[in-house]
Protein backbone atom coordinates (compact mmCIF):
# COMPACT_ATOMS: atom_id res chain seq x y z
CA MET A 1 310.05 -148.18 2.27
CA LYS A 2 308.33 -145.23 1.28
CA ARG A 3 308.71 -145.90 -2.38
CA ALA A 4 307.26 -149.55 -1.75
CA ALA A 5 304.30 -148.38 0.30
CA ALA A 6 303.53 -145.57 -2.49
CA LEU A 7 303.87 -148.30 -5.11
CA GLY A 8 301.65 -150.73 -3.00
CA THR A 9 298.95 -148.08 -2.48
CA LEU A 10 299.00 -147.21 -6.09
CA ALA A 11 298.71 -150.90 -7.24
CA THR A 12 295.62 -151.18 -5.10
CA VAL A 13 294.10 -148.14 -6.79
CA VAL A 14 294.89 -149.50 -10.24
CA GLY A 15 293.44 -153.03 -9.35
CA PHE A 16 289.97 -151.52 -8.49
CA LEU A 17 290.23 -149.27 -11.60
CA ALA A 18 290.85 -152.29 -13.69
CA PHE A 19 287.44 -153.48 -12.72
CA VAL A 20 286.23 -150.20 -13.80
CA GLU A 21 287.82 -150.68 -17.18
CA PHE A 22 286.45 -154.27 -17.43
CA THR A 23 282.96 -153.04 -17.15
CA SER A 24 283.89 -150.36 -19.67
CA GLY A 25 285.18 -153.05 -22.05
CA VAL A 26 281.86 -155.23 -21.55
CA LEU A 27 279.79 -152.05 -22.55
CA GLN A 28 282.00 -151.70 -25.78
CA GLY A 29 281.97 -155.17 -26.69
CA TYR A 30 278.73 -156.60 -25.47
CA TYR A 31 276.21 -154.73 -27.83
CA THR A 32 278.25 -154.88 -31.04
CA PRO A 33 277.06 -158.59 -32.07
CA MET A 34 273.54 -157.69 -31.51
CA LEU A 35 273.51 -154.42 -33.51
CA THR A 36 271.53 -156.16 -36.36
CA ASP A 37 269.19 -157.47 -33.71
CA ILE A 38 268.77 -154.06 -32.31
CA ALA A 39 267.99 -152.63 -35.66
CA ARG A 40 265.29 -155.09 -36.33
CA HIS A 41 263.83 -154.57 -32.79
CA LEU A 42 263.53 -150.76 -33.47
CA ASP A 43 262.58 -151.27 -37.19
CA ILE A 44 265.49 -149.36 -38.64
CA HIS A 45 267.85 -149.78 -41.59
CA ASP A 46 271.37 -151.14 -40.84
CA ALA A 47 272.96 -147.85 -41.92
CA ASP A 48 270.68 -146.15 -39.13
CA VAL A 49 272.66 -147.97 -36.56
CA ASN A 50 275.22 -145.39 -37.05
CA TRP A 51 272.84 -142.86 -35.57
CA LEU A 52 273.34 -144.63 -32.16
CA GLU A 53 277.04 -144.50 -32.48
CA GLY A 54 277.03 -140.85 -33.69
CA ALA A 55 274.83 -139.48 -30.88
CA GLN A 56 276.77 -141.22 -28.18
CA LEU A 57 279.91 -139.98 -29.62
CA MET A 58 278.49 -136.49 -29.63
CA LEU A 59 277.47 -136.54 -25.96
CA SER A 60 280.91 -138.06 -25.20
CA ALA A 61 282.54 -135.07 -26.82
CA LEU A 62 280.55 -132.74 -24.88
CA VAL A 63 280.89 -134.25 -21.37
CA VAL A 64 284.68 -135.30 -21.41
CA PRO A 65 286.14 -131.67 -21.29
CA ALA A 66 283.85 -130.83 -18.60
CA PHE A 67 284.19 -133.96 -16.45
CA ALA A 68 288.10 -134.02 -17.02
CA LYS A 69 288.43 -130.51 -15.85
CA LEU A 70 286.07 -131.03 -12.87
CA GLY A 71 288.32 -134.22 -12.03
CA ASP A 72 291.27 -131.92 -11.82
CA MET A 73 289.32 -129.20 -9.86
CA ILE A 74 287.42 -131.39 -7.35
CA GLY A 75 288.78 -134.97 -7.63
CA HIS A 76 288.92 -137.64 -10.38
CA LYS A 77 287.13 -140.16 -8.19
CA ARG A 78 284.28 -138.00 -7.45
CA MET A 79 283.75 -137.30 -11.18
CA LEU A 80 284.15 -141.13 -11.85
CA LEU A 81 281.22 -141.79 -9.45
CA ILE A 82 278.97 -139.10 -11.10
CA SER A 83 279.61 -140.43 -14.63
CA THR A 84 278.97 -144.02 -13.38
CA ALA A 85 275.69 -143.17 -11.91
CA LEU A 86 274.58 -141.43 -15.16
CA THR A 87 275.69 -144.31 -17.14
CA ALA A 88 273.83 -146.78 -15.10
CA ALA A 89 270.57 -144.74 -15.21
CA ALA A 90 270.77 -144.79 -18.98
CA ALA A 91 271.62 -148.47 -19.37
CA LEU A 92 268.30 -149.27 -17.32
CA VAL A 93 266.19 -147.64 -19.88
CA LEU A 94 267.35 -149.68 -22.87
CA PRO A 95 265.63 -152.99 -22.03
CA PHE A 96 262.13 -151.29 -21.60
CA THR A 97 261.68 -149.27 -24.91
CA ASP A 98 261.10 -150.14 -28.55
CA SER A 99 260.85 -146.55 -29.48
CA PHE A 100 263.88 -145.50 -31.57
CA GLY A 101 263.87 -141.90 -30.04
CA VAL A 102 263.85 -142.98 -26.46
CA PHE A 103 266.44 -145.80 -27.25
CA LEU A 104 268.54 -143.31 -29.02
CA ALA A 105 268.41 -140.97 -26.02
CA ALA A 106 269.28 -143.48 -23.61
CA TRP A 107 272.11 -144.86 -25.68
CA ALA A 108 273.58 -141.46 -26.13
CA LEU A 109 273.53 -140.80 -22.30
CA MET A 110 275.55 -143.96 -21.87
CA GLY A 111 278.26 -142.13 -23.50
CA PHE A 112 279.38 -140.96 -20.05
CA TYR A 113 281.39 -144.03 -19.72
CA VAL A 114 284.18 -142.67 -21.98
CA VAL A 115 285.34 -140.33 -19.42
CA TRP A 116 286.38 -143.18 -17.20
CA LEU A 117 289.80 -144.14 -18.76
CA PRO A 118 291.05 -140.42 -19.01
CA LEU A 119 290.10 -139.76 -15.31
CA GLU A 120 291.67 -143.03 -14.33
CA ILE A 121 295.09 -142.05 -16.11
CA ALA A 122 294.89 -138.66 -14.58
CA LEU A 123 294.47 -140.30 -11.10
CA ILE A 124 297.26 -142.57 -11.44
CA TRP A 125 299.59 -139.74 -12.68
CA SER A 126 298.55 -137.50 -9.73
CA ARG A 127 299.30 -140.34 -7.35
CA SER A 128 302.47 -141.09 -8.72
CA ARG A 129 304.02 -137.71 -8.24
CA ARG A 130 307.89 -137.66 -7.52
CA MET A 131 308.08 -141.46 -8.05
CA GLU A 132 311.15 -142.58 -10.03
CA GLY A 133 310.16 -143.78 -13.40
CA ARG A 134 306.85 -141.76 -13.38
CA SER A 135 306.08 -141.93 -16.94
CA ILE A 136 306.73 -145.63 -17.35
CA ILE A 137 304.65 -146.38 -14.31
CA THR A 138 301.95 -144.53 -15.89
CA ALA A 139 302.35 -146.36 -19.06
CA ARG A 140 302.31 -149.69 -17.38
CA ALA A 141 299.20 -148.99 -15.44
CA ALA A 142 297.72 -147.69 -18.78
CA GLY A 143 298.46 -151.07 -20.31
CA LEU A 144 297.08 -152.86 -17.64
CA LEU A 145 293.75 -150.78 -17.57
CA VAL A 146 293.45 -151.20 -21.44
CA ALA A 147 294.09 -154.92 -20.98
CA ALA A 148 291.21 -155.12 -18.49
CA LEU A 149 289.09 -152.91 -20.80
CA GLU A 150 289.68 -155.34 -23.70
CA LEU A 151 289.33 -158.32 -21.77
CA GLY A 152 285.80 -157.07 -20.67
CA ALA A 153 285.09 -156.28 -24.34
CA ILE A 154 285.96 -159.98 -25.15
CA VAL A 155 283.68 -161.28 -22.33
CA GLY A 156 281.13 -158.81 -23.32
CA ALA A 157 281.30 -159.74 -26.98
CA LEU A 158 281.01 -163.48 -26.35
CA VAL A 159 278.51 -163.50 -23.76
CA GLY A 160 276.43 -160.89 -25.67
CA GLY A 161 276.72 -163.00 -28.92
CA ALA A 162 275.73 -166.04 -27.14
CA LEU A 163 272.94 -164.52 -25.21
CA ILE A 164 271.26 -162.87 -28.23
CA ASP A 165 270.97 -166.26 -29.85
CA ALA A 166 269.27 -167.81 -27.00
CA LEU A 167 267.33 -164.97 -25.15
CA PRO A 168 264.88 -162.23 -25.60
CA LEU A 169 266.46 -158.95 -26.50
CA THR A 170 265.08 -157.27 -23.28
CA VAL A 171 266.69 -159.91 -20.93
CA VAL A 172 270.00 -159.43 -22.89
CA LEU A 173 269.97 -155.73 -22.68
CA LEU A 174 269.42 -155.76 -18.75
CA VAL A 175 272.70 -157.65 -18.11
CA PRO A 176 275.27 -154.70 -18.54
CA ALA A 177 272.97 -152.20 -16.65
CA VAL A 178 273.48 -154.53 -13.49
CA LEU A 179 277.28 -154.72 -14.00
CA ILE A 180 277.46 -151.01 -14.29
CA VAL A 181 275.70 -150.67 -10.74
CA VAL A 182 278.19 -153.16 -9.34
CA CYS A 183 280.88 -150.86 -10.91
CA PHE A 184 279.52 -147.89 -9.08
CA PHE A 185 280.17 -149.42 -5.55
CA VAL A 186 283.46 -150.74 -6.53
CA ILE A 187 284.61 -147.11 -7.18
CA LEU A 188 282.75 -145.81 -4.08
CA PHE A 189 284.60 -148.23 -1.57
CA GLY A 190 287.66 -149.34 -3.36
CA VAL A 191 289.26 -146.28 -5.05
CA GLN A 192 291.12 -143.48 -3.28
CA GLU A 193 290.78 -139.86 -4.31
CA SER A 194 293.55 -138.19 -6.28
CA PRO A 195 295.60 -136.01 -3.99
CA GLU A 196 295.63 -132.03 -4.08
CA PRO A 197 292.88 -131.16 -6.44
CA THR A 198 293.63 -127.91 -8.04
CA GLY A 199 290.19 -126.23 -7.13
CA GLY A 200 289.26 -122.73 -8.69
CA LEU A 201 286.24 -121.77 -10.72
CA PHE A 202 284.73 -123.71 -13.45
CA ASP A 203 284.73 -122.15 -16.96
CA THR A 204 281.18 -122.18 -17.56
CA VAL A 205 281.21 -119.68 -20.57
CA GLY A 206 283.95 -121.90 -22.06
CA LEU A 207 281.78 -125.05 -21.75
CA VAL A 208 278.68 -123.38 -23.29
CA LEU A 209 280.74 -122.22 -26.18
CA ILE A 210 282.50 -125.48 -26.88
CA SER A 211 279.12 -127.34 -26.56
CA LEU A 212 277.43 -125.12 -28.94
CA ALA A 213 280.31 -125.59 -31.46
CA LEU A 214 280.07 -129.57 -31.12
CA ILE A 215 276.21 -129.64 -31.15
CA CYS A 216 276.10 -127.59 -34.23
CA PHE A 217 279.01 -129.29 -35.90
CA THR A 218 277.75 -132.88 -35.10
CA GLY A 219 274.12 -131.99 -35.62
CA GLY A 220 275.02 -130.75 -39.07
CA LEU A 221 276.71 -133.98 -39.74
CA GLY A 222 273.44 -135.75 -38.84
CA MET A 223 271.34 -133.61 -40.95
CA LEU A 224 273.66 -134.62 -43.96
CA ARG A 225 272.67 -138.15 -43.35
CA LEU A 226 268.96 -137.45 -43.92
CA GLU A 227 267.31 -137.98 -47.15
CA GLY A 228 268.36 -134.92 -49.46
CA GLY A 229 270.68 -133.77 -46.75
CA MET A 230 273.92 -133.86 -48.84
CA ALA A 231 272.29 -131.41 -51.19
CA ASN A 232 270.52 -129.15 -48.60
CA PRO A 233 272.69 -125.88 -48.10
CA TRP A 234 271.29 -125.76 -44.60
CA SER A 235 272.85 -128.96 -43.53
CA TRP A 236 276.16 -127.83 -44.72
CA GLY A 237 275.50 -124.22 -43.16
CA VAL A 238 275.22 -125.90 -39.62
CA VAL A 239 278.37 -127.84 -40.10
CA VAL A 240 280.30 -124.66 -40.99
CA LEU A 241 278.61 -122.83 -38.06
CA GLY A 242 279.93 -125.45 -35.63
CA ILE A 243 283.42 -125.10 -36.89
CA ALA A 244 283.18 -121.26 -36.89
CA LEU A 245 282.10 -121.29 -33.24
CA VAL A 246 285.56 -122.74 -32.26
CA VAL A 247 286.94 -119.46 -32.98
CA PRO A 248 285.11 -117.36 -30.05
CA PHE A 249 285.75 -120.38 -27.76
CA ALA A 250 289.46 -120.31 -28.54
CA LEU A 251 289.66 -116.43 -28.05
CA TRP A 252 287.65 -116.90 -24.73
CA GLU A 253 289.84 -119.59 -23.45
CA LEU A 254 293.25 -117.74 -24.28
CA ARG A 255 291.93 -114.77 -22.13
CA HIS A 256 290.48 -116.95 -19.30
CA GLU A 257 292.78 -117.27 -16.10
CA ASP A 258 291.75 -120.95 -15.67
CA PRO A 259 290.29 -122.07 -18.71
CA LEU A 260 288.21 -125.29 -19.32
CA ILE A 261 290.59 -126.34 -22.11
CA ASP A 262 294.16 -124.63 -22.45
CA VAL A 263 294.24 -124.26 -26.23
CA ARG A 264 297.75 -123.50 -26.09
CA MET A 265 298.33 -127.30 -25.57
CA PHE A 266 297.39 -127.72 -29.24
CA ARG A 267 300.38 -125.77 -30.07
CA SER A 268 302.69 -127.87 -28.18
CA PRO A 269 305.15 -129.91 -30.40
CA ALA A 270 304.48 -132.97 -28.33
CA LEU A 271 300.77 -132.70 -27.49
CA GLY A 272 299.39 -131.19 -30.84
CA PRO A 273 300.31 -134.35 -32.96
CA VAL A 274 298.94 -136.62 -30.06
CA PHE A 275 295.60 -135.04 -30.26
CA LEU A 276 295.64 -135.22 -34.06
CA THR A 277 296.41 -138.79 -33.58
CA ALA A 278 293.60 -139.41 -31.30
CA GLY A 279 291.07 -137.62 -33.82
CA LEU A 280 292.28 -139.71 -36.72
CA PHE A 281 292.56 -142.98 -34.54
CA GLY A 282 288.84 -142.27 -33.47
CA VAL A 283 287.67 -142.66 -37.27
CA SER A 284 288.65 -146.44 -37.08
CA VAL A 285 288.33 -147.55 -33.37
CA LEU A 286 284.93 -145.88 -32.97
CA GLY A 287 283.47 -144.95 -36.28
CA ALA A 288 284.18 -148.36 -38.03
CA GLN A 289 282.58 -150.53 -35.10
CA ALA A 290 279.06 -150.79 -36.46
CA PRO A 291 280.02 -151.18 -40.05
CA LEU A 292 282.53 -154.23 -39.25
CA SER A 293 279.63 -155.93 -37.32
CA THR A 294 276.96 -155.32 -39.82
CA PHE A 295 279.21 -156.58 -42.82
CA ALA A 296 279.98 -159.84 -40.98
CA ARG A 297 276.30 -160.37 -40.34
CA THR A 298 275.30 -159.65 -44.02
CA ASP A 299 274.27 -162.83 -45.88
CA PRO A 300 276.56 -163.25 -48.88
CA GLY A 301 274.10 -165.62 -50.67
CA GLN A 302 271.50 -162.76 -50.92
CA TYR A 303 273.75 -159.74 -51.37
CA GLY A 304 276.97 -161.04 -52.81
CA TYR A 305 279.16 -159.98 -49.99
CA GLY A 306 279.55 -160.30 -46.26
CA LEU A 307 280.23 -163.23 -44.02
CA GLY A 308 276.61 -164.41 -42.94
CA THR A 309 277.70 -165.00 -39.47
CA THR A 310 275.42 -165.63 -36.40
CA GLY A 311 275.57 -163.25 -33.60
CA PHE A 312 278.03 -165.72 -31.63
CA ALA A 313 280.32 -166.12 -34.73
CA THR A 314 280.38 -162.47 -35.11
CA SER A 315 281.49 -162.20 -31.47
CA LEU A 316 284.28 -164.48 -31.90
CA ILE A 317 285.65 -162.11 -34.65
CA ILE A 318 285.39 -159.37 -32.08
CA GLY A 319 286.97 -161.60 -29.50
CA VAL A 320 290.03 -162.27 -31.30
CA TYR A 321 290.44 -158.54 -32.39
CA LEU A 322 290.22 -157.65 -28.59
CA ILE A 323 292.82 -160.34 -27.94
CA ALA A 324 295.11 -158.59 -30.17
CA MET A 325 294.40 -155.14 -28.57
CA ILE A 326 295.20 -156.55 -25.19
CA THR A 327 298.52 -157.85 -26.60
CA GLY A 328 299.13 -154.55 -28.14
CA ALA A 329 298.30 -152.59 -24.90
CA LEU A 330 300.52 -154.98 -22.86
CA LEU A 331 303.60 -154.65 -25.40
CA PHE A 332 303.44 -150.90 -25.57
CA PRO A 333 305.37 -149.96 -22.28
CA LEU A 334 307.88 -152.83 -23.17
CA ILE A 335 308.51 -151.56 -26.76
CA ALA A 336 308.46 -147.85 -25.71
CA ARG A 337 311.25 -148.45 -23.26
CA LEU A 338 313.28 -150.58 -25.73
CA THR A 339 312.86 -147.90 -28.32
CA ALA A 340 311.00 -144.68 -27.67
CA PRO A 341 307.31 -143.76 -27.09
CA ARG A 342 307.30 -141.65 -30.23
CA LEU A 343 308.27 -144.67 -32.30
CA THR A 344 305.84 -146.93 -30.68
CA LEU A 345 303.07 -144.74 -31.30
CA MET A 346 304.12 -144.45 -35.14
CA GLY A 347 304.36 -148.07 -35.39
CA ALA A 348 301.10 -148.64 -33.88
CA SER A 349 299.20 -146.37 -36.18
CA THR A 350 301.07 -147.81 -39.03
CA LEU A 351 299.80 -151.28 -38.07
CA VAL A 352 296.12 -149.87 -37.95
CA GLY A 353 296.54 -148.57 -41.54
CA ILE A 354 297.87 -151.71 -42.86
CA GLY A 355 295.21 -153.81 -41.25
CA PHE A 356 292.17 -151.88 -42.62
CA LEU A 357 293.78 -151.56 -46.15
CA LEU A 358 294.22 -155.27 -46.27
CA PHE A 359 290.38 -155.48 -46.36
CA LEU A 360 290.32 -154.23 -49.82
CA PRO A 361 291.58 -157.40 -51.37
CA PHE A 362 290.82 -159.63 -48.53
CA HIS A 363 287.40 -159.82 -46.98
CA ASP A 364 285.57 -162.64 -48.63
CA THR A 365 286.45 -165.33 -45.84
CA TYR A 366 285.99 -165.62 -42.15
CA VAL A 367 289.90 -166.23 -42.00
CA GLN A 368 290.74 -163.17 -44.14
CA VAL A 369 288.76 -160.90 -41.78
CA ILE A 370 290.03 -162.38 -38.58
CA VAL A 371 293.77 -161.85 -40.02
CA ASN A 372 293.08 -158.22 -40.87
CA MET A 373 291.30 -157.45 -37.51
CA VAL A 374 294.34 -158.92 -35.61
CA ILE A 375 296.79 -156.57 -37.32
CA VAL A 376 294.48 -153.61 -36.49
CA GLY A 377 293.94 -154.75 -32.97
CA LEU A 378 297.58 -154.81 -32.26
CA GLY A 379 298.03 -151.26 -33.29
CA SER A 380 294.89 -150.15 -31.75
CA GLY A 381 295.52 -151.65 -28.39
CA ALA A 382 298.89 -149.92 -28.21
CA LEU A 383 297.34 -146.62 -29.38
CA VAL A 384 294.25 -146.89 -26.55
CA ALA A 385 296.97 -147.37 -23.81
CA ALA A 386 299.62 -144.88 -25.27
CA LEU A 387 297.45 -141.75 -26.15
CA PRO A 388 296.20 -140.82 -22.71
CA ALA A 389 299.64 -141.90 -20.99
CA ALA A 390 301.45 -139.70 -23.53
CA ALA A 391 299.10 -136.76 -23.12
CA ALA A 392 299.61 -136.85 -19.23
CA SER A 393 303.37 -136.93 -19.51
CA ALA A 394 303.50 -133.94 -21.79
CA ALA A 395 300.82 -131.85 -20.12
CA PRO A 396 301.15 -129.10 -17.59
CA ALA A 397 300.76 -130.35 -13.97
CA THR A 398 297.49 -128.50 -13.51
CA GLN A 399 296.03 -129.79 -16.75
CA THR A 400 296.74 -133.65 -16.51
CA GLY A 401 293.04 -134.52 -16.49
CA VAL A 402 292.19 -132.08 -19.34
CA ALA A 403 294.99 -133.37 -21.47
CA THR A 404 294.05 -137.08 -20.93
CA GLY A 405 290.50 -136.11 -21.42
CA LEU A 406 291.25 -134.09 -24.63
CA THR A 407 292.65 -137.44 -26.36
CA ASN A 408 289.19 -138.90 -25.61
CA SER A 409 287.42 -135.66 -26.81
CA VAL A 410 289.26 -135.44 -30.08
CA LYS A 411 288.81 -139.16 -30.64
CA THR A 412 285.15 -139.12 -30.07
CA VAL A 413 284.87 -136.13 -32.48
CA GLY A 414 286.71 -138.18 -35.04
CA GLY A 415 284.48 -141.09 -34.39
CA ALA A 416 281.37 -138.96 -34.62
CA ILE A 417 282.49 -137.52 -38.14
CA ALA A 418 283.46 -140.96 -39.41
CA SER A 419 280.14 -142.65 -38.07
CA CYS A 420 278.34 -139.86 -40.06
CA VAL A 421 280.45 -140.33 -43.32
CA PHE A 422 280.29 -144.07 -42.96
CA GLY A 423 276.43 -143.87 -42.51
CA ILE A 424 276.06 -141.80 -45.63
CA ALA A 425 278.38 -144.24 -47.59
CA LEU A 426 276.50 -147.34 -46.53
CA LEU A 427 272.93 -145.82 -47.01
CA GLN A 428 273.68 -144.20 -50.35
CA GLY A 429 274.54 -147.38 -52.12
CA ALA A 430 271.81 -149.21 -50.64
CA VAL A 431 269.10 -146.79 -51.64
CA SER A 432 270.50 -146.24 -55.12
CA GLY A 433 269.60 -149.73 -56.36
CA VAL A 434 272.25 -152.00 -54.76
CA SER A 435 269.79 -153.39 -52.23
CA GLU A 436 266.07 -152.65 -51.46
CA ASP A 437 266.50 -154.58 -48.04
CA THR A 438 268.16 -153.40 -44.89
CA ALA A 439 271.92 -154.26 -45.67
CA GLY A 440 274.39 -151.62 -46.56
CA SER A 441 276.31 -151.42 -49.80
CA LEU A 442 279.58 -153.00 -50.58
CA ALA A 443 280.84 -149.76 -51.99
CA GLY A 444 280.20 -148.20 -48.75
CA TYR A 445 282.13 -150.83 -46.78
CA PHE A 446 284.97 -150.20 -49.23
CA THR A 447 284.67 -146.30 -48.34
CA VAL A 448 284.88 -147.48 -44.56
CA TRP A 449 288.15 -149.47 -45.00
CA ILE A 450 289.99 -146.94 -47.05
CA VAL A 451 289.31 -143.92 -44.74
CA CYS A 452 290.23 -146.04 -41.68
CA GLY A 453 293.48 -147.20 -43.34
CA LEU A 454 294.55 -143.67 -44.80
CA THR A 455 293.74 -141.71 -41.48
CA ALA A 456 295.93 -144.08 -39.59
CA LEU A 457 298.86 -143.73 -41.89
CA VAL A 458 298.33 -139.85 -41.74
CA ALA A 459 298.63 -140.20 -37.95
CA ALA A 460 302.01 -142.10 -38.31
CA ILE A 461 303.35 -139.31 -40.36
CA ALA A 462 302.00 -136.52 -37.84
CA LEU A 463 303.84 -138.35 -35.09
CA ALA A 464 307.23 -138.25 -36.95
CA PHE A 465 307.32 -134.50 -36.05
CA VAL A 466 307.08 -134.88 -32.34
CA PRO A 467 310.36 -134.32 -30.60
CA LYS A 468 312.33 -137.47 -29.97
CA THR A 469 312.57 -137.34 -26.12
CA ALA A 470 308.51 -136.48 -25.81
CA PHE A 471 306.57 -138.82 -23.50
CA THR A 472 309.75 -139.72 -21.40
CA ASP A 473 310.64 -138.99 -17.66
CA ARG A 474 313.46 -136.68 -19.29
CA ALA A 475 310.68 -134.69 -20.74
CA VAL A 476 308.89 -134.30 -17.40
CA ALA A 477 311.63 -134.07 -14.97
CA GLU A 478 310.29 -130.77 -13.69
CA ALA A 479 307.45 -132.94 -12.05
CA ALA A 480 310.10 -133.95 -9.48
CA SER A 481 309.83 -130.68 -7.74
CA GLU A 482 305.94 -131.40 -6.95
CA PRO A 483 304.67 -132.57 -3.53
CA ALA A 484 304.88 -136.29 -3.01
CA VAL A 485 302.07 -138.80 -2.85
CA PRO A 486 300.86 -138.98 0.92
């Protein structure tokens, strides 16, 4: 009876969190079909769309460690509410500006939504304490949340693609802002707080150090994208400074009694490869979104490549891709139970790699692009669900939120790097004579596909070194001694 009651309470929480992830999915899918329209509205080059992606990813990389740690300390629901309020405020700015600078700042602030999924997984993990099959329960919940996320992305992409062909951009941009406001009240009244927050003092010095490192690193990457940035030693110097600042951060965290990020987790044979996989996965799942959209919208009659799709036709490609992601997310716990979580992660990474490399010979027709994206989507859906669940099962009990947050942080850093690299690749070809218009270069798109494919395959190889029993209840049996869920 106690187990049934606990499972019932957890199912209720998961149900409301599924709506949160549905909203997150809408945000991730809604804007993609209209990126070209946004670029024209702001009077910027297609390659400059990556500035929006890169700025949002940079902010995400900064806020996820802080919000994940605060979730462990003072409650995951509380941090969900704060991040949702900030996301809503930023979204309400977008419809009312045509200034690239203001739009860029608001778009970046919307990056607070990326902390939702790791906070939710940490909340579910904390509420499933001492339940039999805790790891598989969390994996199933993660699969359902990701399915809701991708369903939201499908709805967002289809609705966004349809609306942008029929309504003014200002009206279209107002729709997701209203949904985020509704999401805030769903969390407020429907989600129960995680039990027994750890408390403690927040590691402010650690946050400042890692923030400086990330700002310098991603800022340097942004400088590289400016005209002449690749040849400017100052740009490279800022990038190197950002990397160097990680050293004092790590030394501080090793000495701190309650660190913002326990850097020892990166040395864990189970967690280390997961974080590496998350970073490499971020290259494709985050960095390649804008290039894939702009490639589909590029007119082949004018440029000799692209599909020349409308906003709605582009959203159909995204919709098929997201259906494949839902399938991958829901299949993950089943395949993991039949084989092993480690093998499932390896297979998912391999699918992502194969799908992107297939773009090299097959990118000329609508059907070819859809087939490639289905393969990528199956692997990506499994990885989105698996990575935070795997991190939660392998992390110390007091670092669950931090570990799941780190998968997103590292993923966003990987996406930010890729966004910069892809922006440079697309712009370089265009300004060197391939096109005097706003379209990116075909050579740049080839770079995107090659980098995404190879990084995914490297992730699969890295996961081969994870212990065979990782991410299973056997590996977290010590959790049985923790207090039960009230």
